Amino acid sequence: MFKISNGLYDVLKALSTIVLPAIAALYITLASIWGFGFSAEINATIEAVICFINALLGLFLKKSSEVYHKG
């Protein structure tokens, strides 16, 4: 299975919990103020990317936990 470094895990976790949600909130807010287009589509895309990253992180965490408990 895939192995990732702690640093990469931390970066992906920060992206999925802080950076991408902040970008989505910023764009939706600015879109409503300034009339930018595609706010729903951009928000849905960012949410899908967040979901994908979180699924990958869950797999990595499960695998590393299994390896840790084996030994």
C-alpha atoms as a PDB file:
ATOM      1  CA  MET A   1       0.000   0.000   0.000  1.00  0.00           C
ATOM      2  CA  PHE A   2       1.007   3.611  -0.317  1.00  0.00           C
ATOM      3  CA  LYS A   3       3.154   5.273   2.303  1.00  0.00           C
ATOM      4  CA  ILE A   4       3.399   9.009   2.822  1.00  0.00           C
ATOM      5  CA  SER A   5       5.605  11.065   5.070  1.00  0.00           C
ATOM      6  CA  ASN A   6       4.311  12.798   8.165  1.00  0.00           C
ATOM      7  CA  GLY A   7       5.012  16.136   6.486  1.00  0.00           C
ATOM      8  CA  LEU A   8       2.885  15.293   3.448  1.00  0.00           C
ATOM      9  CA  TYR A   9       0.110  14.031   5.719  1.00  0.00           C
ATOM     10  CA  ASP A  10       0.220  17.308   7.652  1.00  0.00           C
ATOM     11  CA  VAL A  11       0.073  19.359   4.439  1.00  0.00           C
ATOM     12  CA  LEU A  12      -2.883  17.396   3.067  1.00  0.00           C
ATOM     13  CA  LYS A  13      -4.674  17.639   6.415  1.00  0.00           C
ATOM     14  CA  ALA A  14      -4.154  21.424   6.526  1.00  0.00           C
ATOM     15  CA  LEU A  15      -5.390  21.722   2.941  1.00  0.00           C
ATOM     16  CA  SER A  16      -8.558  19.779   3.660  1.00  0.00           C
ATOM     17  CA  THR A  17      -9.383  21.387   7.003  1.00  0.00           C
ATOM     18  CA  ILE A  18      -8.161  24.981   6.696  1.00  0.00           C
ATOM     19  CA  VAL A  19      -6.982  26.151   3.289  1.00  0.00           C
ATOM     20  CA  LEU A  20      -9.616  24.785   0.892  1.00  0.00           C
ATOM     21  CA  PRO A  21     -12.625  25.597   3.123  1.00  0.00           C
ATOM     22  CA  ALA A  22     -11.252  29.145   3.542  1.00  0.00           C
ATOM     23  CA  ILE A  23     -10.861  29.540  -0.231  1.00  0.00           C
ATOM     24  CA  ALA A  24     -14.406  28.278  -0.769  1.00  0.00           C
ATOM     25  CA  ALA A  25     -15.826  30.660   1.829  1.00  0.00           C
ATOM     26  CA  LEU A  26     -13.858  33.574   0.391  1.00  0.00           C
ATOM     27  CA  TYR A  27     -14.993  32.903  -3.167  1.00  0.00           C
ATOM     28  CA  ILE A  28     -18.650  32.433  -2.215  1.00  0.00           C
ATOM     29  CA  THR A  29     -18.604  35.653  -0.206  1.00  0.00           C
ATOM     30  CA  LEU A  30     -16.887  37.658  -2.935  1.00  0.00           C
ATOM     31  CA  ALA A  31     -19.156  36.132  -5.575  1.00  0.00           C
ATOM     32  CA  SER A  32     -22.233  37.304  -3.718  1.00  0.00           C
ATOM     33  CA  ILE A  33     -20.798  40.799  -3.224  1.00  0.00           C
ATOM     34  CA  TRP A  34     -19.237  41.327  -6.656  1.00  0.00           C
ATOM     35  CA  GLY A  35     -21.408  39.083  -8.793  1.00  0.00           C
ATOM     36  CA  PHE A  36     -18.737  36.571  -9.781  1.00  0.00           C
ATOM     37  CA  GLY A  37     -20.081  33.608 -11.685  1.00  0.00           C
ATOM     38  CA  PHE A  38     -20.154  29.900 -10.975  1.00  0.00           C
ATOM     39  CA  SER A  39     -20.125  30.209  -7.190  1.00  0.00           C
ATOM     40  CA  ALA A  40     -22.183  27.037  -6.662  1.00  0.00           C
ATOM     41  CA  GLU A  41     -20.056  25.077  -9.125  1.00  0.00           C
ATOM     42  CA  ILE A  42     -16.769  26.253  -7.628  1.00  0.00           C
ATOM     43  CA  ASN A  43     -17.973  25.513  -4.114  1.00  0.00           C
ATOM     44  CA  ALA A  44     -19.112  22.013  -5.116  1.00  0.00           C
ATOM     45  CA  THR A  45     -15.769  21.364  -6.813  1.00  0.00           C
ATOM     46  CA  ILE A  46     -13.788  22.448  -3.759  1.00  0.00           C
ATOM     47  CA  GLU A  47     -16.003  20.314  -1.504  1.00  0.00           C
ATOM     48  CA  ALA A  48     -15.422  17.301  -3.771  1.00  0.00           C
ATOM     49  CA  VAL A  49     -11.651  17.831  -3.593  1.00  0.00           C
ATOM     50  CA  ILE A  50     -11.871  18.101   0.213  1.00  0.00           C
ATOM     51  CA  CYS A  51     -13.863  14.862   0.353  1.00  0.00           C
ATOM     52  CA  PHE A  52     -11.315  13.092  -1.853  1.00  0.00           C
ATOM     53  CA  ILE A  53      -8.353  14.282   0.229  1.00  0.00           C
ATOM     54  CA  ASN A  54     -10.099  13.233   3.445  1.00  0.00           C
ATOM     55  CA  ALA A  55     -10.825   9.780   1.989  1.00  0.00           C
ATOM     56  CA  LEU A  56      -7.146   9.370   1.081  1.00  0.00           C
ATOM     57  CA  LEU A  57      -6.069  10.543   4.533  1.00  0.00           C
ATOM     58  CA  GLY A  58      -8.448   8.042   6.098  1.00  0.00           C
ATOM     59  CA  LEU A  59      -6.909   5.216   4.074  1.00  0.00           C
ATOM     60  CA  PHE A  60      -3.387   6.295   4.971  1.00  0.00           C
ATOM     61  CA  LEU A  61      -4.302   6.574   8.636  1.00  0.00           C
ATOM     62  CA  LYS A  62      -5.955   3.154   8.669  1.00  0.00           C
ATOM     63  CA  LYS A  63      -2.929   1.543   7.027  1.00  0.00           C
ATOM     64  CA  SER A  64      -0.408   3.232   9.308  1.00  0.00           C
ATOM     65  CA  SER A  65      -2.494   2.248  12.342  1.00  0.00           C
ATOM     66  CA  GLU A  66      -2.522  -1.381  11.211  1.00  0.00           C
ATOM     67  CA  VAL A  67       1.251  -1.358  10.734  1.00  0.00           C
ATOM     68  CA  TYR A  68       1.763   0.333  14.113  1.00  0.00           C
ATOM     69  CA  HIS A  69      -0.354  -2.214  15.984  1.00  0.00           C
ATOM     70  CA  LYS A  70       1.320  -5.183  14.280  1.00  0.00           C
ATOM     71  CA  GLY A  71       4.469  -4.228  15.679  1.00  0.00           C
END
